[in-house]
Amino acid sequence: MSFLLPFDSLVCTLLGISLTVWITLLLVFIIVPAIFGVSFGIRKLYMKTLLKVFEWATLRIERGARERKQAIYKTNSNGIIVKEPTSLEEEIKQLRRNGSNRALDSREFEMSDIFYFCRKGVETIVDDEVTKRFSAEELESWNLMTRTNNNFQYISLRLTVLWGLGVFVRYCFLLPLRVTLAITGISLLVIGTTMVGYLPNGWFKDFLSKHVHLMCYRICVRALTAIIHYHDSENRPKNGGICVANHTSPIDVIILASDGFYAMVGQIHGGLMGVIQRAMVKACPHIWFERSEVKDRNLVARRLSEHVRDQAKLPILIFPEGTCINNTSVMMFKKGSFEIGATVYPVAIKYDPRFGEAFWNSSKYGMVNYLLRMMTSWAVVCSVWYLPPVTREEDEDAVQFANRVKAAIARQGGLVDLLWDGGLKRQKVKDTYKEEQQKLYSQSEYGTVHNLEYYRCVFSHFSMSRCVKQIGWL
């Protein structure tokens, strides 16, 4: 025992020194600068170094593939099918021109017409522009993570050693550092907002609430080694308005909240999330709904309207898509937040996938698994554009207003503007979409008609004229 005691004392001393150095480095270089919004430029230098390493690794993979005469997988961001921008009527006429003896303007159903729908169906199956928005995009370059490139395989000992070093850095250094920062940020958020909640209402409570939220979100951003480029800050959302943004990940919230003040909207949860929500609402009027209230559109609209009418309250942060999209496109905006009549502040968020995939595929990964993948990525690099505020025009309904805002966000972020509902991620296609295609076909054959029974009749293998007679129009 006499020989073990000095050794035990030495181990305890080394652990104490290591812990002291670790905490000191966190405070001096990360936590304190995050509180005051100061950066030493370390993350930008880290990002530039990573880019050079990625470029070298990619070139080494391509050279190794050429030496072995192997094909290199290349992504095709434009899809594998070239689609000409033609209308349904033009394509139907082209089919009839090639395979029918009847007049092109014939109103009778042609068997060759079904080939148009068959081709469209096969194109959709092969190159589905909706489903591929719910999976991570394949990178053209390799970022030393096996989950991001199909070309990963053994090329050389030097490249394999570099990959192993990357695994060590991400899991043995970055992961503990980020977990420590995340725990620190969340703990300070819960403790700080709870303490602020006991203060009487007034300007001092609002001031402390804003800066406690901002401080904690900035620490959480550092927990992801996030490098964020904010543009056009003069258009930041103001009180009494609604901030709407495209949605890629749960971290969209802290990306935006680390540069501004927002009131959150969401469903009440249990567990750790519930503890955080209950603490936050004590310091700031966030809008939380019970599970039974979420589907009550009138109640939700009333709560939002009451909030935006008070110019002293923070702008509401909403993601109108209602689900996460893989940051290559923007899908249909739900119209609820555009019916209120408040000023809308559009925000476009674009992530750089080279440093880590920010998209949350909730159908494949749970929240804990997703956060683990984020904290073992190299970094989170993104750009945020604050667009000029917009209001609903007199001759514009809520759907048109939502589409106009969505188009502006897609244009600024370099994203594809899609009309599809993000709910298709988990639901079947609505009958209204099918009926819309039926109407287009029927109108091209018999002009403008407004009877749904007619469409259903035509698509039940009747001829055009027979359907008209059956319904009683002639």
Protein backbone atom coordinates (compact mmCIF):
# COMPACT_ATOMS: atom_id res chain seq x y z
CA MET A 1 0.00 0.00 0.00
CA SER A 2 2.87 2.33 0.72
CA PHE A 3 3.93 2.06 -2.95
CA LEU A 4 0.43 2.73 -4.32
CA LEU A 5 -0.33 5.86 -2.33
CA PRO A 6 2.23 8.12 -4.10
CA PHE A 7 1.02 6.81 -7.46
CA ASP A 8 -2.62 7.47 -6.54
CA SER A 9 -1.68 10.95 -5.39
CA LEU A 10 0.13 11.62 -8.68
CA VAL A 11 -2.88 10.45 -10.73
CA CYS A 12 -5.24 12.66 -8.72
CA THR A 13 -2.89 15.61 -9.15
CA LEU A 14 -2.66 15.11 -12.92
CA LEU A 15 -6.43 14.74 -13.23
CA GLY A 16 -6.94 17.91 -11.21
CA ILE A 17 -4.48 19.86 -13.37
CA SER A 18 -6.04 18.49 -16.57
CA LEU A 19 -9.55 19.44 -15.42
CA THR A 20 -8.39 22.92 -14.39
CA VAL A 21 -6.68 23.50 -17.74
CA TRP A 22 -9.76 22.16 -19.60
CA ILE A 23 -12.20 24.45 -17.77
CA THR A 24 -9.86 27.44 -18.11
CA LEU A 25 -9.52 26.95 -21.86
CA LEU A 26 -13.30 26.63 -22.21
CA LEU A 27 -13.90 29.82 -20.24
CA VAL A 28 -11.18 31.92 -21.88
CA PHE A 29 -11.47 30.84 -25.51
CA ILE A 30 -15.12 29.76 -25.91
CA ILE A 31 -17.64 30.59 -23.15
CA VAL A 32 -16.61 34.17 -22.31
CA PRO A 33 -16.15 35.19 -26.00
CA ALA A 34 -19.52 33.60 -26.78
CA ILE A 35 -21.22 35.62 -24.03
CA PHE A 36 -19.93 38.90 -25.50
CA GLY A 37 -20.25 37.82 -29.15
CA VAL A 38 -16.49 37.98 -29.75
CA SER A 39 -14.54 35.65 -32.03
CA PHE A 40 -10.76 35.12 -32.15
CA GLY A 41 -10.92 33.77 -35.71
CA ILE A 42 -9.95 30.25 -34.64
CA ARG A 43 -13.04 28.66 -36.24
CA LYS A 44 -12.43 30.36 -39.60
CA LEU A 45 -8.82 29.18 -39.62
CA TYR A 46 -10.07 25.70 -38.72
CA MET A 47 -12.54 25.82 -41.63
CA LYS A 48 -9.88 26.88 -44.16
CA THR A 49 -7.57 24.09 -42.98
CA LEU A 50 -10.34 21.52 -43.36
CA LEU A 51 -11.07 22.67 -46.91
CA LYS A 52 -7.45 22.13 -47.92
CA VAL A 53 -7.44 18.66 -46.35
CA PHE A 54 -10.73 17.74 -48.09
CA GLU A 55 -9.38 18.92 -51.44
CA TRP A 56 -6.23 16.83 -51.05
CA ALA A 57 -8.21 13.72 -49.99
CA THR A 58 -10.58 14.06 -52.96
CA LEU A 59 -7.72 14.44 -55.45
CA ARG A 60 -6.03 11.41 -53.92
CA ILE A 61 -9.21 9.32 -54.33
CA GLU A 62 -9.58 10.38 -57.98
CA ARG A 63 -5.91 9.62 -58.72
CA GLY A 64 -6.19 6.20 -57.07
CA ALA A 65 -9.33 5.43 -59.07
CA ARG A 66 -7.60 6.37 -62.34
CA GLU A 67 -4.61 4.18 -61.49
CA ARG A 68 -6.94 1.22 -60.90
CA LYS A 69 -9.12 2.15 -63.88
CA GLN A 70 -12.24 2.36 -61.72
CA ALA A 71 -15.26 4.52 -62.42
CA ILE A 72 -15.74 7.46 -60.09
CA TYR A 73 -19.27 8.10 -58.81
CA LYS A 74 -20.44 11.60 -59.65
CA THR A 75 -23.56 13.17 -58.25
CA ASN A 76 -26.12 14.66 -60.62
CA SER A 77 -27.86 17.55 -58.96
CA ASN A 78 -30.08 18.17 -61.98
CA GLY A 79 -31.62 14.69 -62.04
CA ILE A 80 -31.01 11.88 -64.53
CA ILE A 81 -33.98 12.62 -66.78
CA VAL A 82 -34.06 15.60 -69.11
CA LYS A 83 -37.56 17.03 -68.99
CA GLU A 84 -38.70 19.45 -71.64
CA PRO A 85 -41.00 22.22 -70.37
CA THR A 86 -44.05 21.25 -72.46
CA SER A 87 -47.72 21.22 -71.52
CA LEU A 88 -49.95 18.17 -71.20
CA GLU A 89 -51.97 19.21 -74.26
CA GLU A 90 -48.87 19.53 -76.46
CA GLU A 91 -47.55 16.12 -75.44
CA ILE A 92 -50.92 14.43 -76.03
CA LYS A 93 -51.07 15.95 -79.52
CA GLN A 94 -47.53 14.75 -80.22
CA LEU A 95 -48.51 11.20 -79.27
CA ARG A 96 -51.56 11.32 -81.52
CA ARG A 97 -49.52 12.77 -84.37
CA ASN A 98 -47.21 9.77 -84.22
CA GLY A 99 -49.72 6.97 -83.73
CA SER A 100 -53.25 7.97 -84.73
CA ASN A 101 -55.15 8.52 -87.96
CA ARG A 102 -57.73 10.77 -86.30
CA ALA A 103 -57.66 14.53 -86.33
CA LEU A 104 -55.40 16.10 -83.72
CA ASP A 105 -58.26 18.15 -82.31
CA SER A 106 -60.50 15.11 -81.81
CA ARG A 107 -62.43 15.13 -78.54
CA GLU A 108 -62.56 11.34 -78.31
CA PHE A 109 -60.41 9.37 -75.92
CA GLU A 110 -57.39 7.72 -77.61
CA MET A 111 -55.66 4.61 -76.31
CA SER A 112 -52.32 6.29 -77.10
CA ASP A 113 -53.13 8.93 -74.46
CA ILE A 114 -52.33 6.48 -71.68
CA PHE A 115 -48.67 6.38 -72.77
CA TYR A 116 -48.28 9.98 -71.61
CA PHE A 117 -49.35 9.05 -68.07
CA CYS A 118 -47.27 5.87 -68.12
CA ARG A 119 -44.16 7.81 -69.07
CA LYS A 120 -44.80 10.46 -66.44
CA GLY A 121 -45.29 7.74 -63.84
CA VAL A 122 -42.03 6.00 -64.72
CA GLU A 123 -40.16 9.33 -64.71
CA THR A 124 -41.51 10.09 -61.26
CA ILE A 125 -40.49 6.69 -59.92
CA VAL A 126 -36.98 6.93 -61.34
CA ASP A 127 -36.38 10.60 -60.56
CA ASP A 128 -38.80 11.59 -57.80
CA GLU A 129 -38.30 15.28 -57.07
CA VAL A 130 -40.13 14.98 -53.73
CA THR A 131 -38.72 11.86 -52.04
CA LYS A 132 -35.12 12.81 -52.73
CA ARG A 133 -35.66 16.02 -50.72
CA PHE A 134 -35.90 13.88 -47.58
CA SER A 135 -32.46 12.25 -47.83
CA ALA A 136 -28.98 13.68 -47.39
CA GLU A 137 -27.34 14.86 -50.59
CA GLU A 138 -24.24 13.06 -51.85
CA LEU A 139 -21.08 15.15 -51.83
CA GLU A 140 -18.82 15.53 -54.85
CA SER A 141 -15.78 15.81 -52.56
CA TRP A 142 -14.85 13.62 -49.60
CA ASN A 143 -14.81 15.18 -46.12
CA LEU A 144 -13.08 12.24 -44.36
CA MET A 145 -16.39 10.80 -43.16
CA THR A 146 -17.53 7.46 -44.58
CA ARG A 147 -21.18 8.48 -44.38
CA THR A 148 -20.89 11.23 -47.01
CA ASN A 149 -19.35 9.76 -50.16
CA ASN A 150 -19.86 6.54 -52.15
CA ASN A 151 -16.25 6.55 -53.38
CA PHE A 152 -14.82 5.80 -49.94
CA GLN A 153 -12.61 2.72 -50.05
CA TYR A 154 -9.02 1.80 -49.34
CA ILE A 155 -6.74 3.85 -51.62
CA SER A 156 -3.46 4.21 -49.76
CA LEU A 157 -1.99 3.87 -46.30
CA ARG A 158 -1.47 7.62 -46.03
CA LEU A 159 -5.12 8.38 -46.79
CA THR A 160 -6.33 5.70 -44.37
CA VAL A 161 -4.10 7.10 -41.59
CA LEU A 162 -5.53 10.57 -42.26
CA TRP A 163 -9.07 9.18 -42.02
CA GLY A 164 -8.20 7.44 -38.72
CA LEU A 165 -6.74 10.68 -37.37
CA GLY A 166 -9.97 12.44 -38.32
CA VAL A 167 -12.03 9.86 -36.43
CA PHE A 168 -9.83 10.34 -33.36
CA VAL A 169 -10.15 14.14 -33.49
CA ARG A 170 -13.93 14.08 -33.98
CA TYR A 171 -14.77 11.46 -31.35
CA CYS A 172 -12.01 11.91 -28.76
CA PHE A 173 -11.55 15.69 -28.81
CA LEU A 174 -14.43 17.50 -30.51
CA LEU A 175 -17.23 15.31 -29.09
CA PRO A 176 -16.28 15.76 -25.36
CA LEU A 177 -15.69 19.47 -25.96
CA ARG A 178 -19.05 19.94 -27.64
CA VAL A 179 -20.96 17.88 -25.07
CA THR A 180 -19.43 20.01 -22.31
CA LEU A 181 -20.44 23.22 -24.08
CA ALA A 182 -23.95 21.93 -24.81
CA ILE A 183 -24.50 20.98 -21.16
CA THR A 184 -23.16 24.37 -20.09
CA GLY A 185 -25.41 26.28 -22.50
CA ILE A 186 -28.58 24.32 -21.64
CA SER A 187 -27.90 24.51 -17.89
CA LEU A 188 -27.35 28.27 -18.02
CA LEU A 189 -30.52 28.65 -20.11
CA VAL A 190 -32.68 26.76 -17.60
CA ILE A 191 -31.13 28.44 -14.54
CA GLY A 192 -30.97 31.92 -16.06
CA THR A 193 -34.53 32.02 -17.44
CA THR A 194 -35.92 30.56 -14.21
CA MET A 195 -34.23 33.30 -12.14
CA VAL A 196 -35.34 36.03 -14.55
CA GLY A 197 -38.88 34.67 -14.37
CA TYR A 198 -39.13 35.70 -10.69
CA LEU A 199 -38.51 39.37 -11.51
CA PRO A 200 -41.50 41.72 -11.85
CA ASN A 201 -42.62 42.51 -15.39
CA GLY A 202 -40.92 45.52 -16.89
CA TRP A 203 -38.10 46.72 -19.11
CA PHE A 204 -35.39 45.30 -16.83
CA LYS A 205 -36.87 41.79 -16.96
CA ASP A 206 -37.23 42.01 -20.76
CA PHE A 207 -33.62 43.21 -21.06
CA LEU A 208 -32.25 40.37 -18.94
CA SER A 209 -34.46 37.79 -20.67
CA LYS A 210 -33.22 38.79 -24.12
CA HIS A 211 -29.57 38.67 -23.19
CA VAL A 212 -29.79 35.46 -21.17
CA HIS A 213 -31.39 33.76 -24.19
CA LEU A 214 -28.81 35.28 -26.55
CA MET A 215 -25.87 34.28 -24.34
CA CYS A 216 -27.02 30.66 -23.98
CA TYR A 217 -27.81 30.25 -27.68
CA ARG A 218 -24.35 31.53 -28.58
CA ILE A 219 -22.76 28.97 -26.28
CA CYS A 220 -24.88 26.23 -27.90
CA VAL A 221 -23.76 27.44 -31.33
CA ARG A 222 -20.14 27.06 -30.23
CA ALA A 223 -21.03 23.52 -29.13
CA LEU A 224 -21.53 22.72 -32.82
CA THR A 225 -18.44 24.65 -33.96
CA ALA A 226 -20.88 26.68 -36.03
CA ILE A 227 -19.52 29.25 -38.48
CA ILE A 228 -22.42 31.47 -39.49
CA HIS A 229 -22.38 34.25 -42.05
CA TYR A 230 -25.23 36.73 -41.51
CA HIS A 231 -26.20 39.01 -44.40
CA ASP A 232 -28.35 42.18 -44.57
CA SER A 233 -28.70 42.50 -40.79
CA GLU A 234 -30.66 45.73 -41.21
CA ASN A 235 -33.64 43.51 -42.16
CA ARG A 236 -33.66 41.60 -38.86
CA PRO A 237 -37.22 40.82 -37.66
CA LYS A 238 -38.75 43.44 -35.37
CA ASN A 239 -41.35 43.30 -32.62
CA GLY A 240 -44.92 42.65 -33.72
CA GLY A 241 -43.85 40.69 -36.79
CA ILE A 242 -43.46 37.07 -37.87
CA CYS A 243 -40.14 35.60 -38.96
CA VAL A 244 -40.50 32.74 -41.45
CA ALA A 245 -37.59 30.60 -42.67
CA ASN A 246 -36.91 27.42 -44.59
CA HIS A 247 -36.48 24.41 -42.30
CA THR A 248 -33.59 21.94 -42.46
CA SER A 249 -32.81 21.01 -38.89
CA PRO A 250 -33.80 21.61 -35.25
CA ILE A 251 -30.63 23.69 -34.95
CA ASP A 252 -32.21 26.29 -37.26
CA VAL A 253 -33.64 27.77 -34.06
CA ILE A 254 -30.31 28.41 -32.34
CA ILE A 255 -28.74 29.53 -35.64
CA LEU A 256 -31.25 32.39 -35.84
CA ALA A 257 -31.63 33.01 -32.09
CA SER A 258 -27.87 33.53 -31.67
CA ASP A 259 -28.20 36.72 -33.73
CA GLY A 260 -31.59 38.05 -32.61
CA PHE A 261 -34.47 37.81 -30.18
CA TYR A 262 -37.51 35.63 -30.94
CA ALA A 263 -40.61 34.19 -29.36
CA MET A 264 -40.82 30.47 -30.09
CA VAL A 265 -43.92 28.55 -31.13
CA GLY A 266 -44.33 24.83 -30.56
CA GLN A 267 -45.97 21.89 -28.88
CA ILE A 268 -45.41 21.20 -25.20
CA HIS A 269 -43.07 18.25 -24.63
CA GLY A 270 -42.08 16.14 -21.68
CA GLY A 271 -38.65 15.21 -20.34
CA LEU A 272 -35.67 17.54 -20.76
CA MET A 273 -37.37 19.51 -23.53
CA GLY A 274 -40.35 20.13 -21.26
CA VAL A 275 -38.06 21.43 -18.49
CA ILE A 276 -36.42 23.85 -20.94
CA GLN A 277 -39.80 25.04 -22.26
CA ARG A 278 -41.21 25.67 -18.79
CA ALA A 279 -38.11 27.65 -17.81
CA MET A 280 -38.09 29.72 -21.01
CA VAL A 281 -41.74 30.73 -20.82
CA LYS A 282 -41.21 32.19 -17.33
CA ALA A 283 -38.83 34.79 -18.73
CA CYS A 284 -40.33 35.40 -22.18
CA PRO A 285 -43.86 35.03 -23.64
CA HIS A 286 -43.18 32.03 -25.87
CA ILE A 287 -46.25 30.30 -27.33
CA TRP A 288 -46.55 26.64 -26.32
CA PHE A 289 -49.57 24.50 -27.20
CA GLU A 290 -50.90 21.35 -25.65
CA ARG A 291 -51.04 18.32 -27.93
CA SER A 292 -54.85 18.58 -28.13
CA GLU A 293 -54.66 22.26 -29.13
CA VAL A 294 -52.24 21.94 -32.05
CA LYS A 295 -54.92 20.74 -34.48
CA ASP A 296 -57.29 23.56 -33.50
CA ARG A 297 -56.43 26.06 -36.25
CA ASN A 298 -58.70 28.79 -34.87
CA LEU A 299 -57.09 28.61 -31.43
CA VAL A 300 -53.58 28.69 -32.89
CA ALA A 301 -54.45 31.65 -35.13
CA ARG A 302 -56.01 33.53 -32.22
CA ARG A 303 -52.96 33.02 -29.99
CA LEU A 304 -50.63 34.19 -32.76
CA SER A 305 -52.80 37.22 -33.56
CA GLU A 306 -52.88 38.29 -29.92
CA HIS A 307 -49.11 38.06 -29.76
CA VAL A 308 -48.32 40.12 -32.89
CA ARG A 309 -50.82 42.84 -31.93
CA ASP A 310 -48.64 43.66 -28.92
CA GLN A 311 -45.73 45.67 -30.34
CA ALA A 312 -43.78 45.13 -27.11
CA LYS A 313 -43.53 41.38 -27.70
CA LEU A 314 -40.76 39.70 -29.64
CA PRO A 315 -41.27 38.58 -33.25
CA ILE A 316 -42.56 35.03 -33.65
CA LEU A 317 -40.24 32.48 -35.26
CA ILE A 318 -42.09 30.00 -37.51
CA PHE A 319 -41.02 27.36 -40.03
CA PRO A 320 -44.07 27.14 -42.35
CA GLU A 321 -42.92 23.96 -44.16
CA GLY A 322 -43.81 22.00 -41.04
CA THR A 323 -41.03 19.44 -41.56
CA CYS A 324 -37.30 19.30 -42.27
CA ILE A 325 -36.15 19.42 -45.92
CA ASN A 326 -32.60 18.54 -47.00
CA ASN A 327 -31.61 22.15 -47.81
CA THR A 328 -31.73 21.67 -51.58
CA SER A 329 -35.26 23.06 -51.95
CA VAL A 330 -38.15 24.85 -50.30
CA MET A 331 -41.50 23.04 -50.18
CA MET A 332 -45.06 24.28 -49.67
CA PHE A 333 -45.59 26.82 -46.89
CA LYS A 334 -48.61 26.24 -44.67
CA LYS A 335 -50.90 29.25 -44.99
CA GLY A 336 -51.76 29.64 -41.29
CA SER A 337 -49.03 32.11 -40.39
CA PHE A 338 -49.84 34.21 -43.48
CA GLU A 339 -53.52 34.69 -42.59
CA ILE A 340 -52.85 36.76 -39.49
CA GLY A 341 -52.14 40.01 -41.32
CA ALA A 342 -48.83 40.79 -39.60
CA THR A 343 -45.63 41.94 -41.26
CA VAL A 344 -43.60 38.94 -42.42
CA TYR A 345 -39.81 38.88 -42.25
CA PRO A 346 -38.47 36.17 -44.63
CA VAL A 347 -35.14 34.51 -43.78
CA ALA A 348 -33.17 32.13 -46.02
CA ILE A 349 -30.81 29.57 -44.45
CA LYS A 350 -28.28 27.65 -46.55
CA TYR A 351 -25.90 25.07 -45.04
CA ASP A 352 -22.57 23.97 -46.48
CA PRO A 353 -22.74 20.14 -46.50
CA ARG A 354 -18.98 19.72 -46.92
CA PHE A 355 -18.40 20.03 -43.17
CA GLY A 356 -21.35 17.94 -42.02
CA GLU A 357 -24.91 17.16 -43.05
CA ALA A 358 -27.28 19.41 -41.09
CA PHE A 359 -30.47 17.82 -42.47
CA TRP A 360 -32.47 15.84 -39.89
CA ASN A 361 -34.07 12.80 -41.47
CA SER A 362 -36.54 12.16 -38.65
CA SER A 363 -37.84 9.03 -40.39
CA LYS A 364 -34.39 7.45 -40.11
CA TYR A 365 -32.74 8.97 -37.03
CA GLY A 366 -34.07 9.84 -33.60
CA MET A 367 -33.17 13.13 -31.94
CA VAL A 368 -30.35 11.68 -29.80
CA ASN A 369 -28.83 9.87 -32.79
CA TYR A 370 -29.08 13.01 -34.90
CA LEU A 371 -27.39 15.18 -32.25
CA LEU A 372 -24.61 12.60 -31.94
CA ARG A 373 -24.04 12.77 -35.71
CA MET A 374 -23.98 16.57 -35.58
CA MET A 375 -21.51 16.65 -32.69
CA THR A 376 -19.19 14.20 -34.45
CA SER A 377 -19.21 16.19 -37.69
CA TRP A 378 -16.45 18.62 -38.48
CA ALA A 379 -18.49 21.79 -38.14
CA VAL A 380 -21.73 23.53 -39.06
CA VAL A 381 -21.17 26.18 -41.72
CA CYS A 382 -24.11 28.16 -43.05
CA SER A 383 -25.24 31.49 -44.47
CA VAL A 384 -28.29 33.42 -43.27
CA TRP A 385 -29.94 36.12 -45.37
CA TYR A 386 -32.44 38.55 -43.82
CA LEU A 387 -34.81 39.57 -46.61
CA PRO A 388 -36.79 42.85 -46.63
CA PRO A 389 -40.11 42.67 -44.73
CA VAL A 390 -43.25 42.04 -46.77
CA THR A 391 -46.96 42.45 -46.17
CA ARG A 392 -50.01 40.89 -47.76
CA GLU A 393 -51.38 42.81 -50.73
CA GLU A 394 -55.05 43.69 -51.10
CA ASP A 395 -55.76 41.36 -54.02
CA GLU A 396 -53.73 38.50 -52.54
CA ASP A 397 -55.02 35.55 -50.53
CA ALA A 398 -52.99 33.72 -47.86
CA VAL A 399 -51.84 30.97 -50.24
CA GLN A 400 -50.56 33.45 -52.83
CA PHE A 401 -48.82 35.45 -50.12
CA ALA A 402 -47.15 32.30 -48.77
CA ASN A 403 -45.98 31.30 -52.27
CA ARG A 404 -44.54 34.77 -52.87
CA VAL A 405 -42.54 34.64 -49.65
CA LYS A 406 -41.41 31.07 -50.38
CA ALA A 407 -40.21 32.04 -53.86
CA ALA A 408 -38.18 34.92 -52.41
CA ILE A 409 -36.51 32.63 -49.86
CA ALA A 410 -35.73 29.99 -52.52
CA ARG A 411 -34.29 32.60 -54.88
CA GLN A 412 -32.02 34.13 -52.23
CA GLY A 413 -30.81 30.81 -50.83
CA GLY A 414 -30.22 29.19 -54.22
CA LEU A 415 -32.85 26.53 -53.47
CA VAL A 416 -35.39 24.79 -55.71
CA ASP A 417 -38.91 26.18 -55.31
CA LEU A 418 -41.35 23.24 -55.11
CA LEU A 419 -45.14 23.35 -54.79
CA TRP A 420 -45.32 19.94 -53.11
CA ASP A 421 -46.43 19.59 -49.49
CA GLY A 422 -43.67 18.48 -47.11
CA GLY A 423 -46.30 16.33 -45.41
CA LEU A 424 -45.79 13.81 -48.24
CA LYS A 425 -42.78 12.72 -46.19
CA ARG A 426 -45.14 10.63 -44.09
CA GLN A 427 -48.52 10.78 -45.88
CA LYS A 428 -49.98 9.59 -49.16
CA VAL A 429 -50.69 11.95 -52.02
CA LYS A 430 -53.99 13.77 -51.50
CA ASP A 431 -56.89 13.10 -53.86
CA THR A 432 -56.93 16.78 -54.79
CA TYR A 433 -53.56 16.40 -56.54
CA LYS A 434 -54.90 13.47 -58.57
CA GLU A 435 -58.08 15.34 -59.46
CA GLU A 436 -56.02 18.33 -60.60
CA GLN A 437 -54.25 16.17 -63.20
CA GLN A 438 -57.59 14.71 -64.26
CA LYS A 439 -58.96 18.22 -64.76
CA LEU A 440 -55.97 19.21 -66.89
CA TYR A 441 -56.48 16.21 -69.16
CA SER A 442 -60.24 16.68 -69.41
CA GLN A 443 -59.94 20.39 -70.15
CA SER A 444 -57.45 19.69 -72.93
CA GLU A 445 -59.97 17.29 -74.47
CA TYR A 446 -63.29 19.05 -74.00
CA GLY A 447 -62.49 22.60 -73.04
CA THR A 448 -63.22 24.10 -69.63
CA VAL A 449 -65.58 21.97 -67.54
CA HIS A 450 -66.44 22.19 -63.87
CA ASN A 451 -68.15 18.94 -62.98
CA LEU A 452 -66.08 16.48 -60.93
CA GLU A 453 -68.38 13.63 -61.98
CA TYR A 454 -67.26 14.25 -65.54
CA TYR A 455 -63.60 13.80 -64.65
CA ARG A 456 -64.29 10.63 -62.74
CA CYS A 457 -66.37 9.32 -65.63
CA VAL A 458 -63.60 9.96 -68.16
CA PHE A 459 -61.05 8.17 -66.01
CA SER A 460 -63.37 5.19 -65.67
CA HIS A 461 -62.71 4.28 -69.37
CA PHE A 462 -65.69 6.08 -70.95
CA SER A 463 -65.32 8.18 -74.06
CA MET A 464 -65.59 11.94 -73.88
CA SER A 465 -68.88 12.22 -75.73
CA ARG A 466 -70.42 9.36 -73.75
CA CYS A 467 -69.55 11.07 -70.46
CA VAL A 468 -71.10 14.33 -71.63
CA LYS A 469 -74.31 12.54 -72.66
CA GLN A 470 -74.40 10.47 -69.47
CA ILE A 471 -74.15 13.51 -67.23
CA GLY A 472 -76.78 15.31 -69.28
CA TRP A 473 -74.95 18.22 -70.85
CA LEU A 474 -76.11 17.42 -74.40
